[in-house]
mmCIF file of all heavy atoms, coordinates in Angstrom:
data_MODEL
# 
_entry.id   MODEL 
# 
loop_
_atom_site.group_PDB 
_atom_site.id 
_atom_site.type_symbol 
_atom_site.label_atom_id 
_atom_site.label_alt_id 
_atom_site.label_comp_id 
_atom_site.label_asym_id 
_atom_site.label_entity_id 
_atom_site.label_seq_id 
_atom_site.pdbx_PDB_ins_code 
_atom_site.Cartn_x 
_atom_site.Cartn_y 
_atom_site.Cartn_z 
_atom_site.occupancy 
_atom_site.B_iso_or_equiv 
_atom_site.pdbx_formal_charge 
_atom_site.auth_seq_id 
_atom_site.auth_comp_id 
_atom_site.auth_asym_id 
_atom_site.auth_atom_id 
_atom_site.pdbx_PDB_model_num 
ATOM 1   N N   . GLU A 1 1  ? -29.293 56.770 56.105 1.00 0.00 ? 1  GLU A N   1 
ATOM 2   C CA  . GLU A 1 1  ? -28.817 58.066 55.607 1.00 0.00 ? 1  GLU A CA  1 
ATOM 3   C C   . GLU A 1 1  ? -27.570 58.480 56.520 1.00 0.00 ? 1  GLU A C   1 
ATOM 4   O O   . GLU A 1 1  ? -26.664 59.137 56.080 1.00 0.00 ? 1  GLU A O   1 
ATOM 5   C CB  . GLU A 1 1  ? -29.865 59.102 55.560 1.00 0.00 ? 1  GLU A CB  1 
ATOM 6   C CG  . GLU A 1 1  ? -29.502 60.383 54.997 1.00 0.00 ? 1  GLU A CG  1 
ATOM 7   C CD  . GLU A 1 1  ? -30.705 61.317 54.791 1.00 0.00 ? 1  GLU A CD  1 
ATOM 8   O OE1 . GLU A 1 1  ? -31.569 60.914 54.044 1.00 0.00 ? 1  GLU A OE1 1 
ATOM 9   O OE2 . GLU A 1 1  ? -30.724 62.383 55.457 1.00 0.00 ? 1  GLU A OE2 1 
ATOM 10  N N   . LYS A 1 2  ? -27.728 58.461 57.886 1.00 0.00 ? 2  LYS A N   1 
ATOM 11  C CA  . LYS A 1 2  ? -26.895 58.929 58.864 1.00 0.00 ? 2  LYS A CA  1 
ATOM 12  C C   . LYS A 1 2  ? -26.922 58.091 60.126 1.00 0.00 ? 2  LYS A C   1 
ATOM 13  O O   . LYS A 1 2  ? -28.063 57.550 60.392 1.00 0.00 ? 2  LYS A O   1 
ATOM 14  C CB  . LYS A 1 2  ? -27.224 60.428 59.194 1.00 0.00 ? 2  LYS A CB  1 
ATOM 15  C CG  . LYS A 1 2  ? -26.268 61.082 60.195 1.00 0.00 ? 2  LYS A CG  1 
ATOM 16  C CD  . LYS A 1 2  ? -26.840 62.351 60.578 1.00 0.00 ? 2  LYS A CD  1 
ATOM 17  C CE  . LYS A 1 2  ? -25.961 63.060 61.611 1.00 0.00 ? 2  LYS A CE  1 
ATOM 18  N NZ  . LYS A 1 2  ? -26.513 64.388 62.090 1.00 0.00 ? 2  LYS A NZ  1 
ATOM 19  N N   . ILE A 1 3  ? -25.777 57.767 60.703 1.00 0.00 ? 3  ILE A N   1 
ATOM 20  C CA  . ILE A 1 3  ? -25.857 56.988 61.905 1.00 0.00 ? 3  ILE A CA  1 
ATOM 21  C C   . ILE A 1 3  ? -24.777 57.387 62.840 1.00 0.00 ? 3  ILE A C   1 
ATOM 22  O O   . ILE A 1 3  ? -23.660 57.829 62.432 1.00 0.00 ? 3  ILE A O   1 
ATOM 23  C CB  . ILE A 1 3  ? -25.679 55.384 61.620 1.00 0.00 ? 3  ILE A CB  1 
ATOM 24  C CG1 . ILE A 1 3  ? -25.894 54.572 62.770 1.00 0.00 ? 3  ILE A CG1 1 
ATOM 25  C CG2 . ILE A 1 3  ? -24.331 55.201 60.927 1.00 0.00 ? 3  ILE A CG2 1 
ATOM 26  C CD1 . ILE A 1 3  ? -26.408 53.138 62.371 1.00 0.00 ? 3  ILE A CD1 1 
ATOM 27  N N   . GLU A 1 4  ? -24.976 57.427 64.094 1.00 0.00 ? 4  GLU A N   1 
ATOM 28  C CA  . GLU A 1 4  ? -24.073 57.714 65.160 1.00 0.00 ? 4  GLU A CA  1 
ATOM 29  C C   . GLU A 1 4  ? -24.194 56.772 66.367 1.00 0.00 ? 4  GLU A C   1 
ATOM 30  O O   . GLU A 1 4  ? -25.312 56.306 66.674 1.00 0.00 ? 4  GLU A O   1 
ATOM 31  C CB  . GLU A 1 4  ? -24.412 59.152 65.665 1.00 0.00 ? 4  GLU A CB  1 
ATOM 32  C CG  . GLU A 1 4  ? -24.263 60.332 64.603 1.00 0.00 ? 4  GLU A CG  1 
ATOM 33  C CD  . GLU A 1 4  ? -24.760 61.547 65.016 1.00 0.00 ? 4  GLU A CD  1 
ATOM 34  O OE1 . GLU A 1 4  ? -25.596 61.652 66.061 1.00 0.00 ? 4  GLU A OE1 1 
ATOM 35  O OE2 . GLU A 1 4  ? -24.118 62.541 64.622 1.00 0.00 ? 4  GLU A OE2 1 
ATOM 36  N N   . ILE A 1 5  ? -23.086 56.474 66.993 1.00 0.00 ? 5  ILE A N   1 
ATOM 37  C CA  . ILE A 1 5  ? -23.127 55.700 68.146 1.00 0.00 ? 5  ILE A CA  1 
ATOM 38  C C   . ILE A 1 5  ? -22.414 56.465 69.291 1.00 0.00 ? 5  ILE A C   1 
ATOM 39  O O   . ILE A 1 5  ? -21.498 57.178 69.088 1.00 0.00 ? 5  ILE A O   1 
ATOM 40  C CB  . ILE A 1 5  ? -22.376 54.250 67.939 1.00 0.00 ? 5  ILE A CB  1 
ATOM 41  C CG1 . ILE A 1 5  ? -22.514 53.401 69.163 1.00 0.00 ? 5  ILE A CG1 1 
ATOM 42  C CG2 . ILE A 1 5  ? -20.949 54.467 67.390 1.00 0.00 ? 5  ILE A CG2 1 
ATOM 43  C CD1 . ILE A 1 5  ? -22.059 51.921 68.840 1.00 0.00 ? 5  ILE A CD1 1 
ATOM 44  N N   . ASN A 1 6  ? -22.895 56.381 70.568 1.00 0.00 ? 6  ASN A N   1 
ATOM 45  C CA  . ASN A 1 6  ? -22.389 57.212 71.585 1.00 0.00 ? 6  ASN A CA  1 
ATOM 46  C C   . ASN A 1 6  ? -21.623 56.368 72.605 1.00 0.00 ? 6  ASN A C   1 
ATOM 47  O O   . ASN A 1 6  ? -21.374 56.772 73.776 1.00 0.00 ? 6  ASN A O   1 
ATOM 48  C CB  . ASN A 1 6  ? -23.631 57.865 72.381 1.00 0.00 ? 6  ASN A CB  1 
ATOM 49  C CG  . ASN A 1 6  ? -24.233 56.939 73.255 1.00 0.00 ? 6  ASN A CG  1 
ATOM 50  O OD1 . ASN A 1 6  ? -24.182 55.682 73.209 1.00 0.00 ? 6  ASN A OD1 1 
ATOM 51  N ND2 . ASN A 1 6  ? -25.142 57.431 74.106 1.00 0.00 ? 6  ASN A ND2 1 
ATOM 52  N N   . GLY A 1 7  ? -20.856 55.343 72.147 1.00 0.00 ? 7  GLY A N   1 
ATOM 53  C CA  . GLY A 1 7  ? -19.988 54.692 73.032 1.00 0.00 ? 7  GLY A CA  1 
ATOM 54  C C   . GLY A 1 7  ? -19.512 53.479 72.342 1.00 0.00 ? 7  GLY A C   1 
ATOM 55  O O   . GLY A 1 7  ? -19.618 53.303 71.134 1.00 0.00 ? 7  GLY A O   1 
ATOM 56  N N   . PRO A 1 8  ? -19.033 52.422 73.131 1.00 0.00 ? 8  PRO A N   1 
ATOM 57  C CA  . PRO A 1 8  ? -18.532 51.226 72.500 1.00 0.00 ? 8  PRO A CA  1 
ATOM 58  C C   . PRO A 1 8  ? -19.748 50.353 71.989 1.00 0.00 ? 8  PRO A C   1 
ATOM 59  O O   . PRO A 1 8  ? -20.896 50.554 72.557 1.00 0.00 ? 8  PRO A O   1 
ATOM 60  C CB  . PRO A 1 8  ? -17.837 50.504 73.710 1.00 0.00 ? 8  PRO A CB  1 
ATOM 61  C CG  . PRO A 1 8  ? -18.500 51.099 74.942 1.00 0.00 ? 8  PRO A CG  1 
ATOM 62  C CD  . PRO A 1 8  ? -18.942 52.346 74.474 1.00 0.00 ? 8  PRO A CD  1 
ATOM 63  N N   . PHE A 1 9  ? -19.474 49.408 71.093 1.00 0.00 ? 9  PHE A N   1 
ATOM 64  C CA  . PHE A 1 9  ? -20.370 48.485 70.629 1.00 0.00 ? 9  PHE A CA  1 
ATOM 65  C C   . PHE A 1 9  ? -20.730 47.516 71.649 1.00 0.00 ? 9  PHE A C   1 
ATOM 66  O O   . PHE A 1 9  ? -20.068 46.311 71.723 1.00 0.00 ? 9  PHE A O   1 
ATOM 67  C CB  . PHE A 1 9  ? -19.954 47.938 69.267 1.00 0.00 ? 9  PHE A CB  1 
ATOM 68  C CG  . PHE A 1 9  ? -21.056 47.116 68.559 1.00 0.00 ? 9  PHE A CG  1 
ATOM 69  C CD1 . PHE A 1 9  ? -22.075 47.727 68.068 1.00 0.00 ? 9  PHE A CD1 1 
ATOM 70  C CD2 . PHE A 1 9  ? -20.972 45.704 68.608 1.00 0.00 ? 9  PHE A CD2 1 
ATOM 71  C CE1 . PHE A 1 9  ? -23.085 47.063 67.249 1.00 0.00 ? 9  PHE A CE1 1 
ATOM 72  C CE2 . PHE A 1 9  ? -22.005 44.982 67.820 1.00 0.00 ? 9  PHE A CE2 1 
ATOM 73  C CZ  . PHE A 1 9  ? -23.005 45.684 67.323 1.00 0.00 ? 9  PHE A CZ  1 
ATOM 74  N N   . ALA A 1 10 ? -21.465 47.866 72.731 1.00 0.00 ? 10 ALA A N   1 
ATOM 75  C CA  . ALA A 1 10 ? -21.749 46.949 73.875 1.00 0.00 ? 10 ALA A CA  1 
ATOM 76  C C   . ALA A 1 10 ? -23.090 47.354 74.412 1.00 0.00 ? 10 ALA A C   1 
ATOM 77  O O   . ALA A 1 10 ? -23.685 48.284 74.056 1.00 0.00 ? 10 ALA A O   1 
ATOM 78  C CB  . ALA A 1 10 ? -20.707 47.275 74.867 1.00 0.00 ? 10 ALA A CB  1 
ATOM 79  N N   . ALA A 1 11 ? -23.624 46.324 75.223 1.00 0.00 ? 11 ALA A N   1 
ATOM 80  C CA  . ALA A 1 11 ? -24.857 46.583 75.869 1.00 0.00 ? 11 ALA A CA  1 
ATOM 81  C C   . ALA A 1 11 ? -24.966 47.840 76.630 1.00 0.00 ? 11 ALA A C   1 
ATOM 82  O O   . ALA A 1 11 ? -23.997 48.260 77.256 1.00 0.00 ? 11 ALA A O   1 
ATOM 83  C CB  . ALA A 1 11 ? -25.154 45.337 76.887 1.00 0.00 ? 11 ALA A CB  1 
ATOM 84  N N   . GLY A 1 12 ? -26.026 48.465 76.462 1.00 0.00 ? 12 GLY A N   1 
ATOM 85  C CA  . GLY A 1 12 ? -26.416 49.829 76.965 1.00 0.00 ? 12 GLY A CA  1 
ATOM 86  C C   . GLY A 1 12 ? -26.019 51.093 76.202 1.00 0.00 ? 12 GLY A C   1 
ATOM 87  O O   . GLY A 1 12 ? -26.402 52.197 76.387 1.00 0.00 ? 12 GLY A O   1 
ATOM 88  N N   . THR A 1 13 ? -25.191 50.832 75.108 1.00 0.00 ? 13 THR A N   1 
ATOM 89  C CA  . THR A 1 13 ? -24.928 51.852 74.284 1.00 0.00 ? 13 THR A CA  1 
ATOM 90  C C   . THR A 1 13 ? -26.101 52.274 73.353 1.00 0.00 ? 13 THR A C   1 
ATOM 91  O O   . THR A 1 13 ? -26.874 51.439 72.806 1.00 0.00 ? 13 THR A O   1 
ATOM 92  C CB  . THR A 1 13 ? -23.732 51.574 73.391 1.00 0.00 ? 13 THR A CB  1 
ATOM 93  O OG1 . THR A 1 13 ? -22.550 51.312 74.235 1.00 0.00 ? 13 THR A OG1 1 
ATOM 94  C CG2 . THR A 1 13 ? -23.256 52.626 72.375 1.00 0.00 ? 13 THR A CG2 1 
ATOM 95  N N   . GLN A 1 14 ? -26.169 53.575 73.013 1.00 0.00 ? 14 GLN A N   1 
ATOM 96  C CA  . GLN A 1 14 ? -27.187 53.987 72.130 1.00 0.00 ? 14 GLN A CA  1 
ATOM 97  C C   . GLN A 1 14 ? -26.760 54.383 70.852 1.00 0.00 ? 14 GLN A C   1 
ATOM 98  O O   . GLN A 1 14 ? -25.516 54.892 70.488 1.00 0.00 ? 14 GLN A O   1 
ATOM 99  C CB  . GLN A 1 14 ? -28.027 55.330 72.770 1.00 0.00 ? 14 GLN A CB  1 
ATOM 100 C CG  . GLN A 1 14 ? -28.708 55.021 73.893 1.00 0.00 ? 14 GLN A CG  1 
ATOM 101 C CD  . GLN A 1 14 ? -29.562 56.190 74.438 1.00 0.00 ? 14 GLN A CD  1 
ATOM 102 O OE1 . GLN A 1 14 ? -29.134 57.418 74.227 1.00 0.00 ? 14 GLN A OE1 1 
ATOM 103 N NE2 . GLN A 1 14 ? -30.480 55.856 75.149 1.00 0.00 ? 14 GLN A NE2 1 
ATOM 104 N N   . ILE A 1 15 ? -27.500 54.054 69.792 1.00 0.00 ? 15 ILE A N   1 
ATOM 105 C CA  . ILE A 1 15 ? -27.230 54.324 68.271 1.00 0.00 ? 15 ILE A CA  1 
ATOM 106 C C   . ILE A 1 15 ? -28.433 55.180 67.854 1.00 0.00 ? 15 ILE A C   1 
ATOM 107 O O   . ILE A 1 15 ? -29.654 54.892 68.096 1.00 0.00 ? 15 ILE A O   1 
ATOM 108 C CB  . ILE A 1 15 ? -27.330 53.066 67.549 1.00 0.00 ? 15 ILE A CB  1 
ATOM 109 C CG1 . ILE A 1 15 ? -26.055 52.160 67.953 1.00 0.00 ? 15 ILE A CG1 1 
ATOM 110 C CG2 . ILE A 1 15 ? -26.982 53.441 66.072 1.00 0.00 ? 15 ILE A CG2 1 
ATOM 111 C CD1 . ILE A 1 15 ? -26.066 50.750 67.481 1.00 0.00 ? 15 ILE A CD1 1 
ATOM 112 N N   . THR A 1 16 ? -28.058 56.303 67.101 1.00 0.00 ? 16 THR A N   1 
ATOM 113 C CA  . THR A 1 16 ? -29.105 57.081 66.452 1.00 0.00 ? 16 THR A CA  1 
ATOM 114 C C   . THR A 1 16 ? -28.975 56.879 64.916 1.00 0.00 ? 16 THR A C   1 
ATOM 115 O O   . THR A 1 16 ? -27.904 57.050 64.330 1.00 0.00 ? 16 THR A O   1 
ATOM 116 C CB  . THR A 1 16 ? -28.908 58.631 66.737 1.00 0.00 ? 16 THR A CB  1 
ATOM 117 O OG1 . THR A 1 16 ? -28.829 58.739 68.278 1.00 0.00 ? 16 THR A OG1 1 
ATOM 118 C CG2 . THR A 1 16 ? -30.011 59.411 66.183 1.00 0.00 ? 16 THR A CG2 1 
ATOM 119 N N   . MET A 1 17 ? -30.082 56.279 64.503 1.00 0.00 ? 17 MET A N   1 
ATOM 120 C CA  . MET A 1 17 ? -29.962 55.927 63.003 1.00 0.00 ? 17 MET A CA  1 
ATOM 121 C C   . MET A 1 17 ? -31.056 56.716 62.223 1.00 0.00 ? 17 MET A C   1 
ATOM 122 O O   . MET A 1 17 ? -32.236 56.648 62.700 1.00 0.00 ? 17 MET A O   1 
ATOM 123 C CB  . MET A 1 17 ? -30.155 54.485 62.922 1.00 0.00 ? 17 MET A CB  1 
ATOM 124 C CG  . MET A 1 17 ? -30.257 53.854 61.360 1.00 0.00 ? 17 MET A CG  1 
ATOM 125 S SD  . MET A 1 17 ? -30.425 52.097 61.351 1.00 0.00 ? 17 MET A SD  1 
ATOM 126 C CE  . MET A 1 17 ? -32.142 51.862 62.055 1.00 0.00 ? 17 MET A CE  1 
ATOM 127 N N   . THR A 1 18 ? -30.660 57.324 61.152 1.00 0.00 ? 18 THR A N   1 
ATOM 128 C CA  . THR A 1 18 ? -31.658 58.125 60.395 1.00 0.00 ? 18 THR A CA  1 
ATOM 129 C C   . THR A 1 18 ? -31.846 57.459 59.079 1.00 0.00 ? 18 THR A C   1 
ATOM 130 O O   . THR A 1 18 ? -30.934 57.351 58.210 1.00 0.00 ? 18 THR A O   1 
ATOM 131 C CB  . THR A 1 18 ? -31.135 59.521 60.284 1.00 0.00 ? 18 THR A CB  1 
ATOM 132 O OG1 . THR A 1 18 ? -30.902 60.123 61.622 1.00 0.00 ? 18 THR A OG1 1 
ATOM 133 C CG2 . THR A 1 18 ? -32.181 60.385 59.586 1.00 0.00 ? 18 THR A CG2 1 
ATOM 134 N N   . PRO A 1 19 ? -33.079 56.880 58.783 1.00 0.00 ? 19 PRO A N   1 
ATOM 135 C CA  . PRO A 1 19 ? -33.357 56.371 57.441 1.00 0.00 ? 19 PRO A CA  1 
ATOM 136 C C   . PRO A 1 19 ? -33.617 57.523 56.386 1.00 0.00 ? 19 PRO A C   1 
ATOM 137 O O   . PRO A 1 19 ? -33.880 58.557 56.905 1.00 0.00 ? 19 PRO A O   1 
ATOM 138 C CB  . PRO A 1 19 ? -34.709 55.715 57.565 1.00 0.00 ? 19 PRO A CB  1 
ATOM 139 C CG  . PRO A 1 19 ? -34.777 55.350 58.987 1.00 0.00 ? 19 PRO A CG  1 
ATOM 140 C CD  . PRO A 1 19 ? -34.034 56.557 59.800 1.00 0.00 ? 19 PRO A CD  1 
ATOM 141 N N   . PRO A 1 20 ? -33.369 57.315 55.210 1.00 0.00 ? 20 PRO A N   1 
ATOM 142 C CA  . PRO A 1 20 ? -33.515 58.366 54.123 1.00 0.00 ? 20 PRO A CA  1 
ATOM 143 C C   . PRO A 1 20 ? -34.861 59.014 54.139 1.00 0.00 ? 20 PRO A C   1 
ATOM 144 O O   . PRO A 1 20 ? -35.838 58.221 54.274 1.00 0.00 ? 20 PRO A O   1 
ATOM 145 C CB  . PRO A 1 20 ? -33.163 57.678 52.710 1.00 0.00 ? 20 PRO A CB  1 
ATOM 146 C CG  . PRO A 1 20 ? -32.503 56.323 53.094 1.00 0.00 ? 20 PRO A CG  1 
ATOM 147 C CD  . PRO A 1 20 ? -32.866 56.000 54.519 1.00 0.00 ? 20 PRO A CD  1 
ATOM 148 N N   . GLY A 1 21 ? -34.911 60.291 54.258 1.00 0.00 ? 21 GLY A N   1 
ATOM 149 C CA  . GLY A 1 21 ? -36.114 61.044 54.387 1.00 0.00 ? 21 GLY A CA  1 
ATOM 150 C C   . GLY A 1 21 ? -37.016 60.859 55.565 1.00 0.00 ? 21 GLY A C   1 
ATOM 151 O O   . GLY A 1 21 ? -38.141 61.049 55.507 1.00 0.00 ? 21 GLY A O   1 
ATOM 152 N N   . ASP A 1 22 ? -36.461 60.303 56.669 1.00 0.00 ? 22 ASP A N   1 
ATOM 153 C CA  . ASP A 1 22 ? -37.224 59.976 57.797 1.00 0.00 ? 22 ASP A CA  1 
ATOM 154 C C   . ASP A 1 22 ? -36.643 60.497 59.028 1.00 0.00 ? 22 ASP A C   1 
ATOM 155 O O   . ASP A 1 22 ? -35.564 61.153 59.041 1.00 0.00 ? 22 ASP A O   1 
ATOM 156 C CB  . ASP A 1 22 ? -37.359 58.494 57.961 1.00 0.00 ? 22 ASP A CB  1 
ATOM 157 C CG  . ASP A 1 22 ? -38.731 58.080 58.442 1.00 0.00 ? 22 ASP A CG  1 
ATOM 158 O OD1 . ASP A 1 22 ? -39.317 58.872 59.024 1.00 0.00 ? 22 ASP A OD1 1 
ATOM 159 O OD2 . ASP A 1 22 ? -39.034 56.912 58.260 1.00 0.00 ? 22 ASP A OD2 1 
ATOM 160 N N   . ASP A 1 23 ? -37.376 60.550 60.116 1.00 0.00 ? 23 ASP A N   1 
ATOM 161 C CA  . ASP A 1 23 ? -36.875 60.987 61.424 1.00 0.00 ? 23 ASP A CA  1 
ATOM 162 C C   . ASP A 1 23 ? -35.859 59.951 61.990 1.00 0.00 ? 23 ASP A C   1 
ATOM 163 O O   . ASP A 1 23 ? -35.994 58.888 61.766 1.00 0.00 ? 23 ASP A O   1 
ATOM 164 C CB  . ASP A 1 23 ? -38.093 61.203 62.368 1.00 0.00 ? 23 ASP A CB  1 
ATOM 165 C CG  . ASP A 1 23 ? -38.916 62.223 62.044 1.00 0.00 ? 23 ASP A CG  1 
ATOM 166 O OD1 . ASP A 1 23 ? -38.527 63.274 61.381 1.00 0.00 ? 23 ASP A OD1 1 
ATOM 167 O OD2 . ASP A 1 23 ? -40.201 62.115 62.355 1.00 0.00 ? 23 ASP A OD2 1 
ATOM 168 N N   . PRO A 1 24 ? -34.921 60.483 62.814 1.00 0.00 ? 24 PRO A N   1 
ATOM 169 C CA  . PRO A 1 24 ? -33.996 59.663 63.350 1.00 0.00 ? 24 PRO A CA  1 
ATOM 170 C C   . PRO A 1 24 ? -34.748 58.648 64.378 1.00 0.00 ? 24 PRO A C   1 
ATOM 171 O O   . PRO A 1 24 ? -35.714 58.950 64.971 1.00 0.00 ? 24 PRO A O   1 
ATOM 172 C CB  . PRO A 1 24 ? -33.126 60.543 64.380 1.00 0.00 ? 24 PRO A CB  1 
ATOM 173 C CG  . PRO A 1 24 ? -33.292 61.930 63.743 1.00 0.00 ? 24 PRO A CG  1 
ATOM 174 C CD  . PRO A 1 24 ? -34.677 61.836 63.136 1.00 0.00 ? 24 PRO A CD  1 
ATOM 175 N N   . VAL A 1 25 ? -34.101 57.444 64.417 1.00 0.00 ? 25 VAL A N   1 
ATOM 176 C CA  . VAL A 1 25 ? -34.551 56.286 65.369 1.00 0.00 ? 25 VAL A CA  1 
ATOM 177 C C   . VAL A 1 25 ? -33.504 56.098 66.304 1.00 0.00 ? 25 VAL A C   1 
ATOM 178 O O   . VAL A 1 25 ? -32.335 55.930 65.978 1.00 0.00 ? 25 VAL A O   1 
ATOM 179 C CB  . VAL A 1 25 ? -34.852 54.993 64.438 1.00 0.00 ? 25 VAL A CB  1 
ATOM 180 C CG1 . VAL A 1 25 ? -35.256 53.879 65.361 1.00 0.00 ? 25 VAL A CG1 1 
ATOM 181 C CG2 . VAL A 1 25 ? -35.826 55.320 63.364 1.00 0.00 ? 25 VAL A CG2 1 
ATOM 182 N N   . LEU A 1 26 ? -33.974 55.983 67.709 1.00 0.00 ? 26 LEU A N   1 
ATOM 183 C CA  . LEU A 1 26 ? -33.031 55.772 68.720 1.00 0.00 ? 26 LEU A CA  1 
ATOM 184 C C   . LEU A 1 26 ? -33.037 54.242 69.031 1.00 0.00 ? 26 LEU A C   1 
ATOM 185 O O   . LEU A 1 26 ? -34.156 53.790 69.318 1.00 0.00 ? 26 LEU A O   1 
ATOM 186 C CB  . LEU A 1 26 ? -33.317 56.673 70.020 1.00 0.00 ? 26 LEU A CB  1 
ATOM 187 C CG  . LEU A 1 26 ? -32.430 56.513 71.173 1.00 0.00 ? 26 LEU A CG  1 
ATOM 188 C CD1 . LEU A 1 26 ? -31.068 57.053 70.798 1.00 0.00 ? 26 LEU A CD1 1 
ATOM 189 C CD2 . LEU A 1 26 ? -32.996 57.358 72.331 1.00 0.00 ? 26 LEU A CD2 1 
# 
C-alpha cells in the first residue's frame, strides 16, 4: 500500500513497507 526507503538501495538501508490494511513492516 505504501513504501519508503531511507537511503540508497544498499546493505544497511531500511525500508518501511505497509501491506494493505496492515501495520508497517521494517
